[in-house]
Amino acid sequence: MKKSIFKALSKVNKKLLPSYSKDHDFDLSKASKLQMALIGYKTWVTKNALD
């Protein structure tokens, strides 16, 4: 059940949240705190969806 929730959440994130990996000029060292929080959140959701 937990995995299915994270899979659904991952699909919602893909539609609503920005993708920084597609931006070739994006520099992780210059990311704002909000951008870093979004990257961390998306990583956490993806990790839990795959486990």
N, C-alpha and C. Protein backbone atom coordinates (compact mmCIF):
# COMPACT_ATOMS: atom_id res chain seq x y z
N MET A 1 0.83 -1.19 0.00
CA MET A 1 0.00 0.00 0.00
C MET A 1 0.88 1.26 0.00
N LYS A 2 1.93 1.27 0.80
CA LYS A 2 2.81 2.44 0.88
C LYS A 2 3.44 2.73 -0.48
N LYS A 3 3.86 1.68 -1.17
CA LYS A 3 4.52 1.85 -2.46
C LYS A 3 3.56 2.45 -3.49
N SER A 4 2.31 2.04 -3.48
CA SER A 4 1.34 2.56 -4.44
C SER A 4 1.05 4.05 -4.20
N ILE A 5 1.08 4.45 -2.95
CA ILE A 5 0.88 5.87 -2.63
C ILE A 5 2.02 6.70 -3.19
N PHE A 6 3.24 6.22 -3.02
CA PHE A 6 4.39 6.95 -3.53
C PHE A 6 4.44 6.95 -5.06
N LYS A 7 3.97 5.88 -5.69
CA LYS A 7 3.92 5.86 -7.16
C LYS A 7 2.92 6.90 -7.66
N ALA A 8 1.78 7.00 -7.01
CA ALA A 8 0.78 7.99 -7.40
C ALA A 8 1.31 9.40 -7.16
N LEU A 9 1.98 9.60 -6.03
CA LEU A 9 2.56 10.89 -5.71
C LEU A 9 3.64 11.27 -6.72
N SER A 10 4.38 10.29 -7.17
CA SER A 10 5.42 10.52 -8.18
C SER A 10 4.82 10.99 -9.50
N LYS A 11 3.70 10.42 -9.88
CA LYS A 11 3.03 10.84 -11.12
C LYS A 11 2.52 12.27 -11.01
N VAL A 12 1.98 12.61 -9.85
CA VAL A 12 1.50 13.98 -9.63
C VAL A 12 2.67 14.96 -9.67
N ASN A 13 3.79 14.58 -9.04
CA ASN A 13 4.97 15.44 -9.04
C ASN A 13 5.48 15.67 -10.45
N LYS A 14 5.45 14.62 -11.26
CA LYS A 14 5.95 14.74 -12.63
C LYS A 14 5.13 15.76 -13.44
N LYS A 15 3.85 15.82 -13.17
CA LYS A 15 2.97 16.75 -13.89
C LYS A 15 3.06 18.18 -13.35
N LEU A 16 3.22 18.34 -12.04
CA LEU A 16 3.11 19.66 -11.43
C LEU A 16 4.43 20.35 -11.14
N LEU A 17 5.44 19.61 -10.73
CA LEU A 17 6.69 20.23 -10.30
C LEU A 17 7.68 20.35 -11.46
N PRO A 18 8.53 21.36 -11.41
CA PRO A 18 9.48 21.56 -12.51
C PRO A 18 10.56 20.48 -12.53
N SER A 19 11.08 20.21 -13.72
CA SER A 19 12.16 19.25 -13.89
C SER A 19 13.44 20.02 -14.15
N TYR A 20 14.37 19.93 -13.24
CA TYR A 20 15.63 20.65 -13.38
C TYR A 20 16.63 19.87 -14.22
N SER A 21 16.43 18.59 -14.40
CA SER A 21 17.38 17.79 -15.18
C SER A 21 17.31 18.11 -16.67
N LYS A 22 16.21 18.65 -17.13
CA LYS A 22 16.06 18.99 -18.55
C LYS A 22 16.70 20.34 -18.89
N ASP A 23 16.99 21.14 -17.88
CA ASP A 23 17.60 22.44 -18.06
C ASP A 23 19.12 22.27 -18.06
N HIS A 24 19.74 22.40 -19.22
CA HIS A 24 21.18 22.16 -19.34
C HIS A 24 22.02 23.22 -18.66
N ASP A 25 21.45 24.38 -18.40
CA ASP A 25 22.19 25.46 -17.76
C ASP A 25 22.04 25.45 -16.24
N PHE A 26 21.29 24.49 -15.71
CA PHE A 26 21.04 24.45 -14.27
C PHE A 26 22.29 24.01 -13.53
N ASP A 27 22.70 24.81 -12.56
CA ASP A 27 23.88 24.51 -11.75
C ASP A 27 23.42 24.23 -10.32
N LEU A 28 23.64 23.02 -9.87
CA LEU A 28 23.18 22.61 -8.55
C LEU A 28 23.83 23.43 -7.44
N SER A 29 25.06 23.86 -7.65
CA SER A 29 25.74 24.66 -6.63
C SER A 29 25.15 26.06 -6.49
N LYS A 30 24.40 26.52 -7.50
CA LYS A 30 23.78 27.84 -7.45
C LYS A 30 22.27 27.77 -7.23
N ALA A 31 21.77 26.60 -6.87
CA ALA A 31 20.33 26.43 -6.66
C ALA A 31 19.89 27.14 -5.38
N SER A 32 18.68 27.67 -5.43
CA SER A 32 18.13 28.33 -4.24
C SER A 32 17.68 27.27 -3.23
N LYS A 33 17.33 27.72 -2.06
CA LYS A 33 16.88 26.78 -1.02
C LYS A 33 15.58 26.10 -1.43
N LEU A 34 14.71 26.82 -2.11
CA LEU A 34 13.46 26.23 -2.57
C LEU A 34 13.73 25.15 -3.62
N GLN A 35 14.63 25.43 -4.55
CA GLN A 35 14.98 24.45 -5.56
C GLN A 35 15.61 23.21 -4.93
N MET A 36 16.49 23.40 -3.95
CA MET A 36 17.11 22.28 -3.27
C MET A 36 16.07 21.46 -2.51
N ALA A 37 15.09 22.13 -1.90
CA ALA A 37 14.03 21.43 -1.19
C ALA A 37 13.20 20.60 -2.16
N LEU A 38 12.88 21.15 -3.32
CA LEU A 38 12.11 20.42 -4.32
C LEU A 38 12.88 19.21 -4.85
N ILE A 39 14.16 19.37 -5.07
CA ILE A 39 14.99 18.27 -5.55
C ILE A 39 15.04 17.16 -4.49
N GLY A 40 15.22 17.55 -3.24
CA GLY A 40 15.24 16.57 -2.16
C GLY A 40 13.92 15.85 -2.01
N TYR A 41 12.82 16.59 -2.10
CA TYR A 41 11.49 15.99 -1.99
C TYR A 41 11.23 15.00 -3.12
N LYS A 42 11.56 15.40 -4.34
CA LYS A 42 11.34 14.51 -5.48
C LYS A 42 12.22 13.27 -5.39
N THR A 43 13.43 13.42 -4.89
CA THR A 43 14.33 12.28 -4.71
C THR A 43 13.76 11.32 -3.66
N TRP A 44 13.26 11.85 -2.57
CA TRP A 44 12.67 11.04 -1.50
C TRP A 44 11.46 10.26 -2.00
N VAL A 45 10.59 10.93 -2.75
CA VAL A 45 9.41 10.26 -3.30
C VAL A 45 9.82 9.16 -4.28
N THR A 46 10.77 9.46 -5.15
CA THR A 46 11.22 8.48 -6.14
C THR A 46 11.85 7.28 -5.45
N LYS A 47 12.67 7.50 -4.45
CA LYS A 47 13.31 6.42 -3.71
C LYS A 47 12.27 5.50 -3.07
N ASN A 48 11.25 6.08 -2.46
CA ASN A 48 10.23 5.29 -1.81
C ASN A 48 9.31 4.59 -2.81
N ALA A 49 9.14 5.16 -3.99
CA ALA A 49 8.31 4.53 -5.01
C ALA A 49 9.01 3.31 -5.61
N LEU A 50 10.35 3.33 -5.62
CA LEU A 50 11.10 2.23 -6.22
C LEU A 50 11.37 1.09 -5.25
N ASP A 51 11.40 1.35 -3.95
CA ASP A 51 11.69 0.30 -2.96
C ASP A 51 10.63 -0.75 -2.89
